[in-house]
Amino acid sequence: MAADPEVPTAMALEELELLAPLYPLPRLALDKGRGAWVSDRAGRTYLDFTCGIAVNAFGHAPRGLAAVVSKQMKSLGHVSNLYSHEPGIALARALTQATGYERVFFCNSGTEGIEAALKFARARAHALGRPGRSIVAFTGGFHGRTGFALSATWNPEYRAPFEPLVPGVRFLPFGDVAALAEGIDTDTCGVIVEPVQGEAGAVVAPPGFLAAVRKRCDEVGALLVLDEVQTGVGRTGHFLAATHTGVRADVTVLSKALGGGLPLGAVLLTADAAKPLSAGMHGTTFGGNPVATAAGLWIVERVNRPAFLARVRKRGGRLLSRLQALVAAHPDVLAEARGLGLLCGVEIKEGAPFSPKDLVAAAREQGLLLVRGGDHAVRVLPPLDVDDKTIDEGIERLGRAVKALLPVREEAVS
């Protein structure tokens, strides 16, 4: 899959000249796609197991979504938060029915949803007259790039250029039940945690951990916020990943797959969590506009079906077993395959002759698109409607990428 030297490089040069240098530039220039497959401007085809970083629930250009978006855009495109509209009400109704939450706040993205949820936790403490305003987050957690969300994000490299950040956030070790007793106290107004740490490389919360966090929040009266930006809307085989554990949060944040490619986030709240909120306390100009919510309703209606979610769980089991077999075939360089549903990761062993960045690049050469996860892993994120054949094809290409990165053995060249 090497680049064709005859292909014009105008777009790559324009990126370097025009865009802020916040991403590694120039990038692969994608042109069109359908389902799990996408092609670049040179006509090369790739199997896309990034899904827009878990955004494209049904892959590229799913049949029917464009018609829904186009129809809505022709009648009512944007109205701001000053007015109500039917697509927003319909999606809010669908989300409450799907999850059991009573209230919804719409926004544009995951980080905006987290920002709102953390603000709501402090607003609740204020309304109740609780003096404590501390937020507890966890090592390895990623919650976004805006000020409050970044303050609750663990990675020091992400945080350092922007410090001082929002004060009052402290971190506990992810998965450590014993640390909860002292780390979450009466000074804590909110606790935020991911059921699966996606950015960290698909690290699943250990059994019993989320239940222990829920119990400790109840003991001290803190609001429990679940970050399901990446795990929600069916990615793990239930509409919410928390369903695997039986834990119900006070607030759950969704985004990514919810809009099917359009910017959309949703903060789901219990009636009690929403009680302290009032008009003017928070808002958004674009969030939950008619076009985005029409797309969101189309997605939710298709994902939130028992048979479809059971199929995601089945395909997730197949994906993980194939990844585990790949790890077993390369024990010197691969440490672990892990994940839940169709959110999986492969960790590269310490001392391996290649990095996650190298593996992503090698996979691309084999026609497979992947994304890094933390310092030592790559994430594997196929569409929710992926079939067995496509899963097997993806793992075969990943296996070829691993082999391409292995040192040439002396006996092989003697």
Protein backbone atom coordinates (compact mmCIF):
# COMPACT_ATOMS: atom_id res chain seq x y z
CA MET A 1 0.00 0.00 0.00
CA ALA A 2 2.93 2.35 -0.58
CA ALA A 3 2.08 5.84 -1.79
CA ASP A 4 1.94 6.37 -5.52
CA PRO A 5 4.68 8.92 -6.37
CA GLU A 6 2.57 10.21 -9.25
CA VAL A 7 -0.29 11.31 -7.00
CA PRO A 8 -0.40 15.11 -6.57
CA THR A 9 0.64 16.35 -3.13
CA ALA A 10 -1.28 19.63 -3.30
CA MET A 11 -3.62 18.78 -0.41
CA ALA A 12 -0.73 17.75 1.84
CA LEU A 13 1.09 20.99 1.11
CA GLU A 14 -2.06 23.01 1.73
CA GLU A 15 -2.47 21.39 5.14
CA LEU A 16 1.05 22.40 6.09
CA GLU A 17 0.48 25.94 4.91
CA LEU A 18 -3.04 26.57 6.21
CA LEU A 19 -3.79 24.55 9.31
CA ALA A 20 -2.68 25.13 12.90
CA PRO A 21 0.04 22.57 13.69
CA LEU A 22 -2.02 20.65 16.25
CA TYR A 23 -1.99 17.32 14.41
CA PRO A 24 0.84 15.44 12.71
CA LEU A 25 0.77 16.96 9.21
CA PRO A 26 0.43 16.11 6.39
CA ARG A 27 -2.13 13.36 6.91
CA LEU A 28 -3.61 10.58 4.82
CA ALA A 29 -6.20 12.29 2.62
CA LEU A 30 -9.38 10.19 2.58
CA ASP A 31 -11.86 10.67 -0.23
CA LYS A 32 -14.90 8.40 0.10
CA GLY A 33 -16.13 5.34 1.92
CA ARG A 34 -18.90 2.83 2.38
CA GLY A 35 -19.37 0.78 5.53
CA ALA A 36 -16.06 -0.48 6.92
CA TRP A 37 -14.13 0.48 3.77
CA VAL A 38 -12.66 3.82 2.77
CA SER A 39 -10.40 5.03 -0.03
CA ASP A 40 -7.88 7.84 -0.27
CA ARG A 41 -7.40 10.39 -3.03
CA ALA A 42 -4.92 8.10 -4.75
CA GLY A 43 -7.58 5.42 -5.06
CA ARG A 44 -6.10 3.05 -2.45
CA THR A 45 -8.64 1.18 -0.33
CA TYR A 46 -8.41 0.61 3.43
CA LEU A 47 -10.32 -1.36 6.00
CA ASP A 48 -11.26 1.28 8.56
CA PHE A 49 -11.07 -0.01 12.13
CA THR A 50 -10.93 3.49 13.60
CA CYS A 51 -14.52 4.46 12.69
CA GLY A 52 -13.71 8.13 13.15
CA ILE A 53 -12.49 7.18 16.66
CA ALA A 54 -15.71 5.29 17.48
CA VAL A 55 -17.97 7.92 15.87
CA ASN A 56 -19.16 6.07 12.75
CA ALA A 57 -21.47 3.52 14.36
CA PHE A 58 -22.43 2.09 10.96
CA GLY A 59 -19.22 2.92 9.15
CA HIS A 60 -19.01 5.32 6.25
CA ALA A 61 -22.06 6.66 4.40
CA PRO A 62 -24.64 4.34 5.98
CA ARG A 63 -27.68 3.96 3.77
CA GLY A 64 -30.51 6.19 4.95
CA LEU A 65 -28.65 8.65 7.14
CA ALA A 66 -27.91 11.17 4.39
CA ALA A 67 -31.58 11.24 3.41
CA VAL A 68 -32.62 11.97 6.99
CA VAL A 69 -30.08 14.77 7.35
CA SER A 70 -30.94 16.27 3.95
CA LYS A 71 -34.67 16.20 4.64
CA GLN A 72 -34.24 17.93 7.98
CA MET A 73 -31.86 20.54 6.56
CA LYS A 74 -34.48 21.45 3.94
CA SER A 75 -37.11 22.20 6.57
CA LEU A 76 -35.32 23.48 9.70
CA GLY A 77 -31.55 23.61 10.05
CA HIS A 78 -30.66 25.63 13.13
CA VAL A 79 -32.72 27.57 15.66
CA SER A 80 -30.34 28.01 18.67
CA ASN A 81 -31.35 27.19 22.23
CA LEU A 82 -34.05 29.89 22.21
CA TYR A 83 -36.63 27.61 20.59
CA SER A 84 -37.87 24.05 20.75
CA HIS A 85 -38.06 21.62 17.82
CA GLU A 86 -39.47 18.16 17.22
CA PRO A 87 -36.22 16.28 16.37
CA GLY A 88 -34.70 17.35 19.70
CA ILE A 89 -37.77 16.30 21.68
CA ALA A 90 -37.96 12.99 19.80
CA LEU A 91 -34.30 12.18 20.48
CA ALA A 92 -34.59 13.17 24.15
CA ARG A 93 -37.61 10.88 24.46
CA ALA A 94 -35.76 8.02 22.76
CA LEU A 95 -32.72 8.44 25.05
CA THR A 96 -34.77 8.49 28.24
CA GLN A 97 -36.67 5.40 27.12
CA ALA A 98 -33.45 3.62 26.17
CA THR A 99 -31.58 4.40 29.40
CA GLY A 100 -34.08 5.14 32.16
CA TYR A 101 -32.72 8.62 32.80
CA GLU A 102 -35.28 11.41 33.24
CA ARG A 103 -33.54 14.47 31.80
CA VAL A 104 -31.26 15.24 28.84
CA PHE A 105 -28.97 18.16 28.03
CA PHE A 106 -27.73 18.31 24.44
CA CYS A 107 -24.35 19.71 23.40
CA ASN A 108 -21.89 19.31 20.51
CA SER A 109 -19.18 16.93 21.69
CA GLY A 110 -17.92 14.63 24.40
CA THR A 111 -15.67 17.19 26.02
CA GLU A 112 -18.56 19.68 26.19
CA GLY A 113 -20.70 17.01 27.80
CA ILE A 114 -18.04 16.30 30.41
CA GLU A 115 -17.58 20.01 31.01
CA ALA A 116 -21.31 20.32 31.66
CA ALA A 117 -21.48 17.25 33.89
CA LEU A 118 -18.67 18.46 36.15
CA LYS A 119 -20.27 21.89 36.36
CA PHE A 120 -23.56 20.23 37.29
CA ALA A 121 -21.82 18.32 40.08
CA ARG A 122 -20.57 21.55 41.60
CA ALA A 123 -23.93 23.26 41.03
CA ARG A 124 -25.59 20.46 43.00
CA ALA A 125 -23.15 20.88 45.89
CA HIS A 126 -23.84 24.62 45.88
CA ALA A 127 -27.61 24.10 45.87
CA LEU A 128 -27.40 21.63 48.74
CA GLY A 129 -25.14 23.89 50.77
CA ARG A 130 -22.31 21.35 50.76
CA PRO A 131 -18.94 23.04 51.33
CA GLY A 132 -16.93 20.46 49.37
CA ARG A 133 -16.28 21.08 45.69
CA SER A 134 -13.63 18.45 44.93
CA ILE A 135 -13.84 16.23 41.84
CA VAL A 136 -12.31 12.76 41.90
CA ALA A 137 -11.01 11.25 38.65
CA PHE A 138 -8.78 8.26 37.96
CA THR A 139 -5.34 7.47 36.61
CA GLY A 140 -5.41 6.63 32.93
CA GLY A 141 -8.66 8.50 32.40
CA PHE A 142 -9.30 10.77 29.43
CA HIS A 143 -12.28 13.13 29.46
CA GLY A 144 -11.55 15.82 26.88
CA ARG A 145 -9.51 18.89 25.97
CA THR A 146 -11.52 21.81 27.35
CA GLY A 147 -10.57 23.37 30.68
CA PHE A 148 -12.58 21.37 33.21
CA ALA A 149 -12.51 18.14 31.19
CA LEU A 150 -8.74 18.43 30.77
CA SER A 151 -8.38 19.05 34.50
CA ALA A 152 -9.97 15.64 35.07
CA THR A 153 -7.79 13.96 32.43
CA TRP A 154 -4.82 12.02 33.74
CA ASN A 155 -2.16 12.36 31.01
CA PRO A 156 0.41 14.89 32.29
CA GLU A 157 1.58 15.66 28.72
CA TYR A 158 -1.91 16.83 27.79
CA ARG A 159 -2.22 18.94 30.92
CA ALA A 160 1.21 20.55 31.30
CA PRO A 161 1.05 23.26 28.58
CA PHE A 162 -2.20 24.66 29.99
CA GLU A 163 -1.61 24.68 33.72
CA PRO A 164 -2.84 26.03 36.04
CA LEU A 165 -6.07 24.25 35.22
CA VAL A 166 -9.39 24.18 37.10
CA PRO A 167 -8.50 23.50 40.74
CA GLY A 168 -10.01 20.90 43.01
CA VAL A 169 -9.48 17.73 40.95
CA ARG A 170 -7.60 14.78 42.43
CA PHE A 171 -6.79 11.37 40.97
CA LEU A 172 -7.10 7.89 42.42
CA PRO A 173 -5.66 4.67 40.98
CA PHE A 174 -8.07 3.18 38.43
CA GLY A 175 -9.38 -0.17 39.62
CA ASP A 176 -8.16 0.17 43.21
CA VAL A 177 -11.17 -0.37 45.48
CA ALA A 178 -9.12 0.14 48.65
CA ALA A 179 -8.20 3.69 47.59
CA LEU A 180 -11.84 4.79 47.43
CA ALA A 181 -12.46 5.02 51.18
CA GLU A 182 -9.97 7.82 51.77
CA GLY A 183 -9.91 9.29 48.26
CA ILE A 184 -13.67 9.93 48.06
CA ASP A 185 -14.77 11.85 51.15
CA THR A 186 -17.31 14.44 52.27
CA ASP A 187 -15.31 17.11 50.44
CA THR A 188 -16.08 15.32 47.15
CA CYS A 189 -18.98 16.69 45.11
CA GLY A 190 -18.48 14.47 42.06
CA VAL A 191 -16.64 11.40 40.81
CA ILE A 192 -16.00 10.79 37.12
CA VAL A 193 -14.96 7.44 35.66
CA GLU A 194 -15.02 5.51 32.38
CA PRO A 195 -16.40 1.94 32.33
CA VAL A 196 -13.69 1.25 29.74
CA GLN A 197 -10.76 3.64 29.37
CA GLY A 198 -10.71 3.98 25.60
CA GLU A 199 -7.92 6.52 25.15
CA ALA A 200 -5.74 4.46 27.50
CA GLY A 201 -6.04 1.47 25.18
CA ALA A 202 -9.39 -0.22 25.96
CA VAL A 203 -8.69 -0.84 29.66
CA VAL A 204 -11.82 -2.36 31.21
CA ALA A 205 -12.72 -1.49 34.80
CA PRO A 206 -12.05 -4.56 36.99
CA PRO A 207 -15.09 -6.53 38.18
CA GLY A 208 -16.74 -4.86 41.13
CA PHE A 209 -14.87 -1.58 40.79
CA LEU A 210 -17.71 0.55 39.40
CA ALA A 211 -20.09 -0.89 41.99
CA ALA A 212 -17.61 0.06 44.73
CA VAL A 213 -17.36 3.60 43.33
CA ARG A 214 -21.18 3.83 43.28
CA LYS A 215 -21.37 2.64 46.90
CA ARG A 216 -18.76 5.13 48.08
CA CYS A 217 -20.48 8.01 46.26
CA ASP A 218 -23.73 7.10 48.04
CA GLU A 219 -21.95 7.02 51.40
CA VAL A 220 -20.59 10.57 51.06
CA GLY A 221 -23.36 12.07 48.93
CA ALA A 222 -21.22 12.66 45.82
CA LEU A 223 -22.58 12.68 42.26
CA LEU A 224 -21.38 9.76 40.13
CA VAL A 225 -20.63 10.72 36.52
CA LEU A 226 -19.98 7.97 33.98
CA ASP A 227 -18.04 9.01 30.89
CA GLU A 228 -19.60 6.89 28.16
CA VAL A 229 -18.51 9.17 25.33
CA GLN A 230 -16.69 6.28 23.64
CA THR A 231 -18.42 3.27 25.21
CA GLY A 232 -22.03 4.44 24.86
CA VAL A 233 -24.57 3.96 22.05
CA GLY A 234 -23.91 0.25 21.67
CA ARG A 235 -20.13 0.12 21.34
CA THR A 236 -19.77 -2.56 24.06
CA GLY A 237 -22.89 -4.56 23.16
CA HIS A 238 -25.32 -2.76 25.45
CA PHE A 239 -26.66 0.71 24.80
CA LEU A 240 -24.70 1.82 27.88
CA ALA A 241 -21.56 -0.01 28.94
CA ALA A 242 -22.62 0.36 32.58
CA THR A 243 -25.32 -2.24 31.89
CA HIS A 244 -22.59 -4.89 31.96
CA THR A 245 -21.98 -4.04 35.63
CA GLY A 246 -25.48 -3.21 36.82
CA VAL A 247 -24.27 0.21 37.98
CA ARG A 248 -26.46 3.27 37.41
CA ALA A 249 -24.78 6.67 37.56
CA ASP A 250 -26.42 9.96 38.49
CA VAL A 251 -25.11 11.45 35.24
CA THR A 252 -23.93 9.73 32.05
CA VAL A 253 -22.28 11.52 29.13
CA LEU A 254 -22.70 10.31 25.54
CA SER A 255 -21.28 11.59 22.26
CA LYS A 256 -19.18 10.12 19.43
CA ALA A 257 -21.53 7.53 17.85
CA LEU A 258 -24.66 9.39 18.95
CA GLY A 259 -24.64 11.79 15.99
CA GLY A 260 -23.55 9.28 13.37
CA GLY A 261 -20.83 11.68 12.22
CA LEU A 262 -22.56 14.96 13.08
CA PRO A 263 -21.41 16.87 16.18
CA LEU A 264 -23.70 15.82 19.01
CA GLY A 265 -23.37 15.07 22.70
CA ALA A 266 -25.90 14.32 25.42
CA VAL A 267 -25.72 14.56 29.20
CA LEU A 268 -28.23 12.15 30.74
CA LEU A 269 -29.38 13.00 34.27
CA THR A 270 -31.59 11.50 36.92
CA ALA A 271 -34.37 13.79 38.10
CA ASP A 272 -32.47 14.35 41.35
CA ALA A 273 -29.26 15.32 39.54
CA ALA A 274 -31.18 17.76 37.35
CA LYS A 275 -33.10 19.35 40.23
CA PRO A 276 -30.49 22.05 41.09
CA LEU A 277 -30.26 23.30 37.49
CA SER A 278 -32.00 26.47 36.41
CA ALA A 279 -32.39 28.64 33.31
CA GLY A 280 -29.20 30.46 32.37
CA MET A 281 -26.91 28.27 34.46
CA HIS A 282 -25.45 26.59 31.37
CA GLY A 283 -26.14 26.56 27.65
CA THR A 284 -25.00 26.03 24.09
CA THR A 285 -25.72 27.76 20.80
CA PHE A 286 -25.34 24.83 18.41
CA GLY A 287 -25.89 21.87 20.73
CA GLY A 288 -28.77 19.57 19.84
CA ASN A 289 -29.86 21.45 16.75
CA PRO A 290 -32.56 19.90 14.51
CA VAL A 291 -30.16 18.37 11.99
CA ALA A 292 -27.86 16.74 14.55
CA THR A 293 -30.73 15.40 16.63
CA ALA A 294 -32.50 14.03 13.55
CA ALA A 295 -29.31 12.09 12.82
CA GLY A 296 -29.09 11.04 16.46
CA LEU A 297 -32.61 9.67 16.45
CA TRP A 298 -31.84 7.65 13.31
CA ILE A 299 -28.81 6.14 15.08
CA VAL A 300 -30.56 5.41 18.39
CA GLU A 301 -33.53 3.72 16.75
CA ARG A 302 -31.20 1.32 14.92
CA VAL A 303 -28.75 0.63 17.73
CA ASN A 304 -31.20 0.20 20.59
CA ARG A 305 -32.62 -3.11 19.42
CA PRO A 306 -32.02 -6.26 21.50
CA ALA A 307 -31.10 -8.39 18.49
CA PHE A 308 -28.67 -5.78 17.17
CA LEU A 309 -26.96 -5.33 20.55
CA ALA A 310 -26.70 -9.11 20.98
CA ARG A 311 -25.01 -9.22 17.58
CA VAL A 312 -22.51 -6.56 18.71
CA ARG A 313 -21.69 -8.65 21.77
CA LYS A 314 -21.21 -11.75 19.61
CA ARG A 315 -19.00 -9.92 17.11
CA GLY A 316 -17.08 -8.36 20.00
CA GLY A 317 -16.34 -11.82 21.35
CA ARG A 318 -15.04 -12.89 17.96
CA LEU A 319 -12.87 -9.79 17.63
CA LEU A 320 -11.32 -10.25 21.06
CA SER A 321 -10.66 -13.96 20.53
CA ARG A 322 -8.94 -13.25 17.20
CA LEU A 323 -6.82 -10.56 18.83
CA GLN A 324 -5.90 -12.92 21.68
CA ALA A 325 -4.82 -15.50 19.13
CA LEU A 326 -2.64 -12.87 17.47
CA VAL A 327 -1.02 -12.06 20.82
CA ALA A 328 -0.42 -15.76 21.47
CA ALA A 329 1.29 -16.03 18.08
CA HIS A 330 3.65 -13.15 18.91
CA PRO A 331 4.34 -13.39 22.66
CA ASP A 332 7.75 -11.71 22.34
CA VAL A 333 6.28 -8.41 21.14
CA LEU A 334 2.59 -8.36 22.10
CA ALA A 335 1.58 -8.33 25.75
CA GLU A 336 -2.21 -8.46 25.85
CA ALA A 337 -5.46 -8.17 23.94
CA ARG A 338 -8.33 -6.67 25.93
CA GLY A 339 -11.60 -4.84 25.59
CA LEU A 340 -15.37 -5.05 25.76
CA GLY A 341 -17.66 -5.48 22.77
CA LEU A 342 -16.25 -3.75 19.71
CA LEU A 343 -13.90 -1.55 21.74
CA CYS A 344 -10.68 -3.54 21.87
CA GLY A 345 -6.99 -2.87 22.22
CA VAL A 346 -3.68 -4.65 21.75
CA GLU A 347 -0.84 -3.76 24.09
CA ILE A 348 2.72 -3.88 22.79
CA LYS A 349 5.24 -5.47 25.08
CA GLU A 350 7.86 -3.34 26.78
CA GLY A 351 11.11 -3.77 24.90
CA ALA A 352 9.43 -4.65 21.61
CA PRO A 353 11.32 -3.34 18.54
CA PHE A 354 8.38 -1.14 17.54
CA SER A 355 5.97 1.35 19.10
CA PRO A 356 2.19 1.83 18.74
CA LYS A 357 2.92 4.58 16.24
CA ASP A 358 5.01 2.13 14.20
CA LEU A 359 2.25 -0.48 14.30
CA VAL A 360 -0.39 2.02 13.17
CA ALA A 361 1.86 2.97 10.23
CA ALA A 362 2.61 -0.66 9.35
CA ALA A 363 -1.09 -1.54 9.50
CA ARG A 364 -1.84 1.30 7.11
CA GLU A 365 0.68 -0.16 4.68
CA GLN A 366 -1.35 -3.38 4.89
CA GLY A 367 -4.56 -1.49 4.17
CA LEU A 368 -5.85 -1.33 7.76
CA LEU A 369 -6.55 1.89 9.65
CA LEU A 370 -6.04 1.82 13.43
CA VAL A 371 -5.62 4.43 16.17
CA ARG A 372 -3.26 4.49 19.12
CA GLY A 373 -4.44 3.91 22.67
CA GLY A 374 -2.21 5.31 25.40
CA ASP A 375 1.57 4.91 25.33
CA HIS A 376 1.70 1.18 24.65
CA ALA A 377 -1.39 0.06 22.75
CA VAL A 378 -3.43 0.42 19.58
CA ARG A 379 -7.24 0.46 19.52
CA VAL A 380 -9.37 -1.67 17.22
CA LEU A 381 -12.77 -0.06 16.55
CA PRO A 382 -14.74 -1.63 13.70
CA PRO A 383 -18.30 -0.51 12.84
CA LEU A 384 -21.05 -1.88 15.06
CA ASP A 385 -22.53 -3.81 12.12
CA VAL A 386 -19.23 -5.43 11.13
CA ASP A 387 -19.50 -9.04 9.95
CA ASP A 388 -17.32 -12.06 10.74
CA LYS A 389 -15.53 -11.98 7.39
CA THR A 390 -14.50 -8.34 7.84
CA ILE A 391 -13.27 -8.97 11.39
CA ASP A 392 -11.12 -11.86 10.16
CA GLU A 393 -9.78 -9.76 7.29
CA GLY A 394 -8.83 -6.96 9.68
CA ILE A 395 -6.97 -9.28 12.06
CA GLU A 396 -5.17 -10.92 9.13
CA ARG A 397 -3.95 -7.50 7.99
CA LEU A 398 -2.93 -6.61 11.53
CA GLY A 399 -0.97 -9.86 11.74
CA ARG A 400 0.88 -9.00 8.53
CA ALA A 401 1.70 -5.58 9.99
CA VAL A 402 3.18 -7.14 13.12
CA LYS A 403 5.29 -9.54 11.05
CA ALA A 404 6.53 -6.67 8.88
CA LEU A 405 7.89 -4.95 12.00
CA LEU A 406 9.76 -7.97 13.36
CA PRO A 407 13.55 -8.07 12.93
CA VAL A 408 14.76 -10.34 10.16
CA ARG A 409 16.18 -13.48 11.78
CA GLU A 410 19.75 -14.41 10.81
CA GLU A 411 18.79 -17.95 9.83
CA ALA A 412 16.21 -16.54 7.44
CA VAL A 413 18.82 -14.69 5.46
CA SER A 414 21.77 -17.10 5.77
